Amino acid sequence: MKALSFIPRSAQKAAVIPFEPSASRIKVSLHQLVNDLLASLQPLAMKRNNIVLNGVPRGLCFIAEENLLAYVLWNMINSVVSNKKNECIHVQTLVDDDRTMICVKDAGNYLYRSLAADYRKLQDAAEKVGGCLNVYNDEKYGSNIVFSISNTRMAV
């Protein structure tokens, strides 16, 4: 007796091509991406009397999925801008040997509560880009959201 198959013969003989998530990775200028995000948040920042500064160096680029990277950074910056009033908010980077940290400084004491609802989705997106998120509060340094990403994915 012949076995029945619901898969067409043409599909059975075709080579299986594995899904490559890295196919959508491109060289992304981090400075330009942060500039674009800050420009989109400028009306909200002005409404809340916040000043948001881009401290990302111009030459810093990553090979990453631009939409995921923008999603993570936009959520970080938007949560700070929408929950603070009359503040100067800095977006800065620290490049170390094996990682780059993108930090939103002056995030406020109650920032974790504003991120808590979507934190798991945001952390998943950060991990897909190759990084992780950290939210912390320190008396000396204030509150910060830090997105740390591996330099092995960096471009020159």
C-alpha atoms as a PDB file:
ATOM      1  CA  MET A   1       0.000   0.000   0.000  1.00  0.00           C
ATOM      2  CA  LYS A   2       1.236   3.454  -0.914  1.00  0.00           C
ATOM      3  CA  ALA A   3       1.633   6.079   1.838  1.00  0.00           C
ATOM      4  CA  LEU A   4      -0.383   9.242   1.432  1.00  0.00           C
ATOM      5  CA  SER A   5       1.330  12.575   1.718  1.00  0.00           C
ATOM      6  CA  PHE A   6      -0.296  15.967   2.007  1.00  0.00           C
ATOM      7  CA  ILE A   7       2.895  17.725   0.944  1.00  0.00           C
ATOM      8  CA  PRO A   8       3.141  18.288  -2.838  1.00  0.00           C
ATOM      9  CA  ARG A   9       5.928  16.385  -4.594  1.00  0.00           C
ATOM     10  CA  SER A  10       7.575  19.608  -5.733  1.00  0.00           C
ATOM     11  CA  ALA A  11       7.880  20.721  -2.106  1.00  0.00           C
ATOM     12  CA  GLN A  12       9.168  17.304  -1.009  1.00  0.00           C
ATOM     13  CA  LYS A  13      12.087  17.462  -3.442  1.00  0.00           C
ATOM     14  CA  ALA A  14      12.987  21.120  -2.797  1.00  0.00           C
ATOM     15  CA  ALA A  15      16.009  21.813  -0.650  1.00  0.00           C
ATOM     16  CA  VAL A  16      15.232  23.034   2.840  1.00  0.00           C
ATOM     17  CA  ILE A  17      16.698  26.485   3.446  1.00  0.00           C
ATOM     18  CA  PRO A  18      17.006  27.308   7.147  1.00  0.00           C
ATOM     19  CA  PHE A  19      15.686  30.639   8.395  1.00  0.00           C
ATOM     20  CA  GLU A  20      18.509  33.138   8.787  1.00  0.00           C
ATOM     21  CA  PRO A  21      17.622  35.930  11.219  1.00  0.00           C
ATOM     22  CA  SER A  22      20.900  37.663  10.381  1.00  0.00           C
ATOM     23  CA  ALA A  23      19.722  38.315   6.816  1.00  0.00           C
ATOM     24  CA  SER A  24      18.002  41.529   7.932  1.00  0.00           C
ATOM     25  CA  ARG A  25      21.055  42.865   9.765  1.00  0.00           C
ATOM     26  CA  ILE A  26      22.559  46.008   8.339  1.00  0.00           C
ATOM     27  CA  LYS A  27      25.127  48.588   9.399  1.00  0.00           C
ATOM     28  CA  VAL A  28      23.301  51.011  11.681  1.00  0.00           C
ATOM     29  CA  SER A  29      24.700  54.377  12.765  1.00  0.00           C
ATOM     30  CA  LEU A  30      23.821  54.548  16.440  1.00  0.00           C
ATOM     31  CA  HIS A  31      24.241  58.341  16.555  1.00  0.00           C
ATOM     32  CA  GLN A  32      21.816  58.863  13.651  1.00  0.00           C
ATOM     33  CA  LEU A  33      19.314  56.366  15.090  1.00  0.00           C
ATOM     34  CA  VAL A  34      19.289  58.153  18.458  1.00  0.00           C
ATOM     35  CA  ASN A  35      18.974  61.524  16.678  1.00  0.00           C
ATOM     36  CA  ASP A  36      15.904  60.264  14.787  1.00  0.00           C
ATOM     37  CA  LEU A  37      14.347  58.880  17.969  1.00  0.00           C
ATOM     38  CA  LEU A  38      14.968  62.121  19.856  1.00  0.00           C
ATOM     39  CA  ALA A  39      13.449  64.134  17.009  1.00  0.00           C
ATOM     40  CA  SER A  40      10.283  62.028  17.199  1.00  0.00           C
ATOM     41  CA  LEU A  41      10.123  62.533  20.981  1.00  0.00           C
ATOM     42  CA  GLN A  42      10.866  66.278  20.854  1.00  0.00           C
ATOM     43  CA  PRO A  43       7.198  67.427  21.092  1.00  0.00           C
ATOM     44  CA  LEU A  44       6.643  65.290  24.200  1.00  0.00           C
ATOM     45  CA  ALA A  45       9.925  66.470  25.730  1.00  0.00           C
ATOM     46  CA  MET A  46       8.986  70.118  25.142  1.00  0.00           C
ATOM     47  CA  LYS A  47       5.520  69.561  26.610  1.00  0.00           C
ATOM     48  CA  ARG A  48       7.090  68.161  29.787  1.00  0.00           C
ATOM     49  CA  ASN A  49       9.922  70.792  29.856  1.00  0.00           C
ATOM     50  CA  ASN A  50      12.605  68.144  29.375  1.00  0.00           C
ATOM     51  CA  ILE A  51      15.851  68.571  27.488  1.00  0.00           C
ATOM     52  CA  VAL A  52      17.158  65.401  25.872  1.00  0.00           C
ATOM     53  CA  LEU A  53      20.791  65.307  24.735  1.00  0.00           C
ATOM     54  CA  ASN A  54      22.447  62.857  22.362  1.00  0.00           C
ATOM     55  CA  GLY A  55      25.892  61.927  23.688  1.00  0.00           C
ATOM     56  CA  VAL A  56      26.489  59.062  21.239  1.00  0.00           C
ATOM     57  CA  PRO A  57      29.681  59.512  19.160  1.00  0.00           C
ATOM     58  CA  ARG A  58      29.086  60.056  15.434  1.00  0.00           C
ATOM     59  CA  GLY A  59      31.213  57.167  14.199  1.00  0.00           C
ATOM     60  CA  LEU A  60      29.657  54.445  16.371  1.00  0.00           C
ATOM     61  CA  CYS A  61      27.939  51.814  14.201  1.00  0.00           C
ATOM     62  CA  PHE A  62      26.513  48.343  14.782  1.00  0.00           C
ATOM     63  CA  ILE A  63      25.614  45.505  12.500  1.00  0.00           C
ATOM     64  CA  ALA A  64      22.148  44.781  13.837  1.00  0.00           C
ATOM     65  CA  GLU A  65      18.495  44.504  13.005  1.00  0.00           C
ATOM     66  CA  GLU A  66      17.628  48.190  12.866  1.00  0.00           C
ATOM     67  CA  ASN A  67      13.957  47.830  13.789  1.00  0.00           C
ATOM     68  CA  LEU A  68      14.683  45.806  16.937  1.00  0.00           C
ATOM     69  CA  LEU A  69      17.443  48.176  17.978  1.00  0.00           C
ATOM     70  CA  ALA A  70      15.139  51.169  17.417  1.00  0.00           C
ATOM     71  CA  TYR A  71      12.353  49.428  19.369  1.00  0.00           C
ATOM     72  CA  VAL A  72      14.590  48.896  22.411  1.00  0.00           C
ATOM     73  CA  LEU A  73      16.084  52.392  22.363  1.00  0.00           C
ATOM     74  CA  TRP A  74      12.758  54.123  21.716  1.00  0.00           C
ATOM     75  CA  ASN A  75      11.124  52.360  24.674  1.00  0.00           C
ATOM     76  CA  MET A  76      14.039  53.294  26.924  1.00  0.00           C
ATOM     77  CA  ILE A  77      14.027  56.963  25.943  1.00  0.00           C
ATOM     78  CA  ASN A  78      10.237  57.324  25.686  1.00  0.00           C
ATOM     79  CA  SER A  79       9.648  55.910  29.177  1.00  0.00           C
ATOM     80  CA  VAL A  80      12.082  58.443  30.651  1.00  0.00           C
ATOM     81  CA  VAL A  81      10.794  61.441  28.688  1.00  0.00           C
ATOM     82  CA  SER A  82       7.147  60.667  29.443  1.00  0.00           C
ATOM     83  CA  ASN A  83       7.736  60.151  33.194  1.00  0.00           C
ATOM     84  CA  LYS A  84      10.052  63.071  33.964  1.00  0.00           C
ATOM     85  CA  LYS A  85       9.411  66.817  34.159  1.00  0.00           C
ATOM     86  CA  ASN A  86      11.860  69.711  34.063  1.00  0.00           C
ATOM     87  CA  GLU A  87      14.899  67.458  33.638  1.00  0.00           C
ATOM     88  CA  CYS A  88      17.968  67.182  31.460  1.00  0.00           C
ATOM     89  CA  ILE A  89      18.100  63.626  30.129  1.00  0.00           C
ATOM     90  CA  HIS A  90      21.317  62.284  28.600  1.00  0.00           C
ATOM     91  CA  VAL A  91      21.689  59.410  26.154  1.00  0.00           C
ATOM     92  CA  GLN A  92      25.324  58.359  26.445  1.00  0.00           C
ATOM     93  CA  THR A  93      27.554  55.449  25.490  1.00  0.00           C
ATOM     94  CA  LEU A  94      30.460  53.734  27.141  1.00  0.00           C
ATOM     95  CA  VAL A  95      32.558  51.559  24.847  1.00  0.00           C
ATOM     96  CA  ASP A  96      34.572  48.894  26.657  1.00  0.00           C
ATOM     97  CA  ASP A  97      36.742  46.092  25.253  1.00  0.00           C
ATOM     98  CA  ASP A  98      33.976  43.548  24.835  1.00  0.00           C
ATOM     99  CA  ARG A  99      30.746  45.545  25.085  1.00  0.00           C
ATOM    100  CA  THR A 100      29.091  48.881  24.467  1.00  0.00           C
ATOM    101  CA  MET A 101      26.647  50.306  26.986  1.00  0.00           C
ATOM    102  CA  ILE A 102      23.975  52.759  25.891  1.00  0.00           C
ATOM    103  CA  CYS A 103      22.712  54.608  28.938  1.00  0.00           C
ATOM    104  CA  VAL A 104      19.728  56.890  29.499  1.00  0.00           C
ATOM    105  CA  LYS A 105      20.694  58.943  32.560  1.00  0.00           C
ATOM    106  CA  ASP A 106      18.399  60.781  34.956  1.00  0.00           C
ATOM    107  CA  ALA A 107      15.709  58.209  34.548  1.00  0.00           C
ATOM    108  CA  GLY A 108      14.002  58.864  37.905  1.00  0.00           C
ATOM    109  CA  ASN A 109      13.189  56.717  40.907  1.00  0.00           C
ATOM    110  CA  TYR A 110       9.943  55.211  39.628  1.00  0.00           C
ATOM    111  CA  LEU A 111      11.160  54.337  36.152  1.00  0.00           C
ATOM    112  CA  TYR A 112      11.148  50.580  36.706  1.00  0.00           C
ATOM    113  CA  ARG A 113       7.407  50.698  37.371  1.00  0.00           C
ATOM    114  CA  SER A 114       6.817  52.433  34.044  1.00  0.00           C
ATOM    115  CA  LEU A 115       8.820  49.759  32.213  1.00  0.00           C
ATOM    116  CA  ALA A 116       7.519  46.795  34.232  1.00  0.00           C
ATOM    117  CA  ALA A 117       4.487  46.029  32.054  1.00  0.00           C
ATOM    118  CA  ASP A 118       6.481  45.678  28.832  1.00  0.00           C
ATOM    119  CA  TYR A 119       9.867  44.793  30.336  1.00  0.00           C
ATOM    120  CA  ARG A 120       9.787  41.130  29.267  1.00  0.00           C
ATOM    121  CA  LYS A 121       9.041  42.043  25.629  1.00  0.00           C
ATOM    122  CA  LEU A 122      11.706  44.727  25.728  1.00  0.00           C
ATOM    123  CA  GLN A 123      14.255  42.328  27.249  1.00  0.00           C
ATOM    124  CA  ASP A 124      13.424  39.713  24.581  1.00  0.00           C
ATOM    125  CA  ALA A 125      13.997  42.280  21.832  1.00  0.00           C
ATOM    126  CA  ALA A 126      17.281  43.347  23.457  1.00  0.00           C
ATOM    127  CA  GLU A 127      18.428  39.718  23.556  1.00  0.00           C
ATOM    128  CA  LYS A 128      17.546  39.225  19.879  1.00  0.00           C
ATOM    129  CA  VAL A 129      19.787  42.191  19.028  1.00  0.00           C
ATOM    130  CA  GLY A 130      22.538  40.610  21.148  1.00  0.00           C
ATOM    131  CA  GLY A 131      22.295  42.673  24.319  1.00  0.00           C
ATOM    132  CA  CYS A 132      20.555  42.975  27.661  1.00  0.00           C
ATOM    133  CA  LEU A 133      18.831  45.659  29.742  1.00  0.00           C
ATOM    134  CA  ASN A 134      19.531  46.843  33.256  1.00  0.00           C
ATOM    135  CA  VAL A 135      17.575  49.385  35.279  1.00  0.00           C
ATOM    136  CA  TYR A 136      19.197  50.659  38.467  1.00  0.00           C
ATOM    137  CA  ASN A 137      19.084  53.498  40.958  1.00  0.00           C
ATOM    138  CA  ASP A 138      22.107  54.814  42.840  1.00  0.00           C
ATOM    139  CA  GLU A 139      22.319  57.813  45.201  1.00  0.00           C
ATOM    140  CA  LYS A 140      25.548  59.009  43.586  1.00  0.00           C
ATOM    141  CA  TYR A 141      24.700  58.391  39.910  1.00  0.00           C
ATOM    142  CA  GLY A 142      20.903  58.696  39.929  1.00  0.00           C
ATOM    143  CA  SER A 143      18.640  56.356  38.005  1.00  0.00           C
ATOM    144  CA  ASN A 144      19.678  54.831  34.718  1.00  0.00           C
ATOM    145  CA  ILE A 145      18.521  52.423  32.057  1.00  0.00           C
ATOM    146  CA  VAL A 146      21.456  50.662  30.450  1.00  0.00           C
ATOM    147  CA  PHE A 147      21.330  48.657  27.242  1.00  0.00           C
ATOM    148  CA  SER A 148      24.506  46.602  26.978  1.00  0.00           C
ATOM    149  CA  ILE A 149      25.423  45.042  23.635  1.00  0.00           C
ATOM    150  CA  SER A 150      28.371  42.886  22.581  1.00  0.00           C
ATOM    151  CA  ASN A 151      31.092  44.490  20.445  1.00  0.00           C
ATOM    152  CA  THR A 152      31.467  41.341  18.379  1.00  0.00           C
ATOM    153  CA  ARG A 153      28.537  42.611  16.297  1.00  0.00           C
ATOM    154  CA  MET A 154      30.064  46.062  15.832  1.00  0.00           C
ATOM    155  CA  ALA A 155      31.198  47.415  12.501  1.00  0.00           C
ATOM    156  CA  VAL A 156      34.041  49.823  11.849  1.00  0.00           C
END
